[in-house]
């Protein structure tokens, strides 16, 4: 399925976090930079539970 999130009201970050938190096998992320500590924590948590990055 496809979902859209928009940054000004914060729905994009929530969508990214939900996607990371529910990943079971792998995560492919490409971005110039990001500054969200919550996204960093979610990525670390996913790696620790065995998700390939």
N, C-alpha and C. Protein backbone atom coordinates (compact mmCIF):
# COMPACT_ATOMS: atom_id res chain seq x y z
N UNK A 1 0.83 -1.18 0.00
CA UNK A 1 0.00 0.00 0.00
C UNK A 1 0.88 1.25 0.00
N UNK A 2 0.31 2.33 -0.41
CA UNK A 2 1.01 3.61 -0.47
C UNK A 2 0.34 4.57 0.50
N UNK A 3 1.16 5.26 1.28
CA UNK A 3 0.64 6.26 2.21
C UNK A 3 1.44 7.53 2.02
N UNK A 4 0.78 8.67 2.21
CA UNK A 4 1.45 9.96 2.08
C UNK A 4 1.45 10.68 3.42
N UNK A 5 2.55 11.33 3.72
CA UNK A 5 2.65 12.14 4.93
C UNK A 5 3.26 13.47 4.57
N UNK A 6 2.89 14.49 5.29
CA UNK A 6 3.39 15.84 5.02
C UNK A 6 4.11 16.38 6.24
N UNK A 7 5.24 17.02 6.01
CA UNK A 7 6.09 17.47 7.11
C UNK A 7 5.55 18.62 7.96
N UNK A 8 4.93 19.64 7.39
CA UNK A 8 4.57 20.79 8.24
C UNK A 8 3.75 20.43 9.48
N UNK A 9 2.79 19.54 9.36
CA UNK A 9 2.00 19.18 10.54
C UNK A 9 2.50 17.91 11.22
N UNK A 10 3.60 17.35 10.76
CA UNK A 10 4.22 16.24 11.45
C UNK A 10 3.80 14.85 11.03
N UNK A 11 2.86 14.71 10.10
CA UNK A 11 2.40 13.37 9.74
C UNK A 11 3.47 12.58 8.99
N UNK A 12 4.39 13.25 8.33
CA UNK A 12 5.45 12.53 7.62
C UNK A 12 6.35 11.79 8.60
N UNK A 13 6.72 12.44 9.68
CA UNK A 13 7.58 11.79 10.66
C UNK A 13 6.86 10.61 11.30
N UNK A 14 5.60 10.76 11.62
CA UNK A 14 4.85 9.66 12.21
C UNK A 14 4.76 8.48 11.25
N UNK A 15 4.58 8.75 9.97
CA UNK A 15 4.53 7.69 8.96
C UNK A 15 5.87 6.98 8.85
N UNK A 16 6.96 7.73 8.86
CA UNK A 16 8.30 7.14 8.81
C UNK A 16 8.54 6.26 10.03
N UNK A 17 8.19 6.77 11.21
CA UNK A 17 8.37 5.99 12.44
C UNK A 17 7.57 4.70 12.42
N UNK A 18 6.32 4.78 11.98
CA UNK A 18 5.47 3.58 11.90
C UNK A 18 6.08 2.56 10.94
N UNK A 19 6.57 3.04 9.81
CA UNK A 19 7.16 2.14 8.82
C UNK A 19 8.42 1.46 9.37
N UNK A 20 9.27 2.21 10.03
CA UNK A 20 10.49 1.65 10.63
C UNK A 20 10.13 0.64 11.71
N UNK A 21 9.20 1.01 12.57
CA UNK A 21 8.84 0.16 13.71
C UNK A 21 8.18 -1.15 13.29
N UNK A 22 7.54 -1.18 12.12
CA UNK A 22 6.87 -2.41 11.67
C UNK A 22 7.70 -3.21 10.67
N UNK A 23 8.87 -2.70 10.28
CA UNK A 23 9.72 -3.43 9.34
C UNK A 23 10.17 -4.74 9.97
N UNK A 24 10.14 -5.80 9.18
CA UNK A 24 10.51 -7.12 9.68
C UNK A 24 11.78 -7.66 9.05
N UNK A 25 12.07 -7.27 7.81
CA UNK A 25 13.19 -7.88 7.10
C UNK A 25 14.30 -6.89 6.74
N UNK A 26 13.93 -5.78 6.11
CA UNK A 26 14.96 -4.81 5.73
C UNK A 26 14.39 -3.41 5.64
N UNK A 27 15.29 -2.46 5.73
CA UNK A 27 14.97 -1.04 5.58
C UNK A 27 15.98 -0.46 4.62
N UNK A 28 15.50 0.22 3.61
CA UNK A 28 16.36 0.94 2.67
C UNK A 28 15.97 2.41 2.79
N UNK A 29 16.90 3.21 3.25
CA UNK A 29 16.65 4.62 3.51
C UNK A 29 17.66 5.45 2.76
N UNK A 30 17.17 6.44 2.03
CA UNK A 30 18.06 7.33 1.33
C UNK A 30 17.62 8.76 1.63
N UNK A 31 18.53 9.53 2.15
CA UNK A 31 18.21 10.92 2.43
C UNK A 31 19.49 11.71 2.61
N UNK A 32 19.44 12.95 2.24
CA UNK A 32 20.62 13.81 2.38
C UNK A 32 20.96 13.98 3.85
N UNK A 33 19.94 14.24 4.65
CA UNK A 33 20.14 14.34 6.09
C UNK A 33 18.79 14.30 6.78
N UNK A 34 18.81 13.98 8.05
CA UNK A 34 17.61 14.10 8.87
C UNK A 34 18.03 14.43 10.28
N UNK A 35 17.15 15.11 11.00
CA UNK A 35 17.52 15.62 12.31
C UNK A 35 16.63 15.10 13.43
N UNK A 36 15.81 14.13 13.14
CA UNK A 36 14.86 13.63 14.13
C UNK A 36 15.50 12.59 15.04
N UNK A 37 15.64 12.89 16.34
CA UNK A 37 16.16 11.89 17.27
C UNK A 37 15.27 10.66 17.36
N UNK A 38 13.96 10.84 17.15
CA UNK A 38 13.04 9.71 17.21
C UNK A 38 13.30 8.73 16.07
N UNK A 39 13.60 9.26 14.88
CA UNK A 39 13.91 8.39 13.73
C UNK A 39 15.21 7.65 13.99
N UNK A 40 16.20 8.33 14.53
CA UNK A 40 17.48 7.68 14.86
C UNK A 40 17.24 6.54 15.84
N UNK A 41 16.48 6.79 16.90
CA UNK A 41 16.20 5.74 17.88
C UNK A 41 15.44 4.57 17.26
N UNK A 42 14.49 4.86 16.38
CA UNK A 42 13.72 3.80 15.73
C UNK A 42 14.62 2.95 14.83
N UNK A 43 15.54 3.59 14.10
CA UNK A 43 16.46 2.84 13.25
C UNK A 43 17.40 1.96 14.07
N UNK A 44 17.91 2.48 15.16
CA UNK A 44 18.77 1.68 16.04
C UNK A 44 18.00 0.50 16.60
N UNK A 45 16.78 0.72 17.02
CA UNK A 45 15.94 -0.35 17.56
C UNK A 45 15.68 -1.43 16.50
N UNK A 46 15.40 -1.00 15.27
CA UNK A 46 15.16 -1.96 14.19
C UNK A 46 16.41 -2.80 13.93
N UNK A 47 17.56 -2.16 13.91
CA UNK A 47 18.82 -2.90 13.69
C UNK A 47 19.05 -3.91 14.80
N UNK A 48 18.76 -3.52 16.03
CA UNK A 48 18.96 -4.42 17.17
C UNK A 48 18.00 -5.61 17.13
N UNK A 49 16.85 -5.45 16.51
CA UNK A 49 15.92 -6.59 16.43
C UNK A 49 16.14 -7.42 15.16
N UNK A 50 17.23 -7.12 14.43
CA UNK A 50 17.64 -7.97 13.33
C UNK A 50 17.22 -7.52 11.95
N UNK A 51 16.69 -6.32 11.82
CA UNK A 51 16.30 -5.81 10.51
C UNK A 51 17.56 -5.40 9.75
N UNK A 52 17.69 -5.89 8.52
CA UNK A 52 18.84 -5.57 7.68
C UNK A 52 18.72 -4.14 7.18
N UNK A 53 19.85 -3.43 7.19
CA UNK A 53 19.85 -2.04 6.72
C UNK A 53 20.93 -1.84 5.70
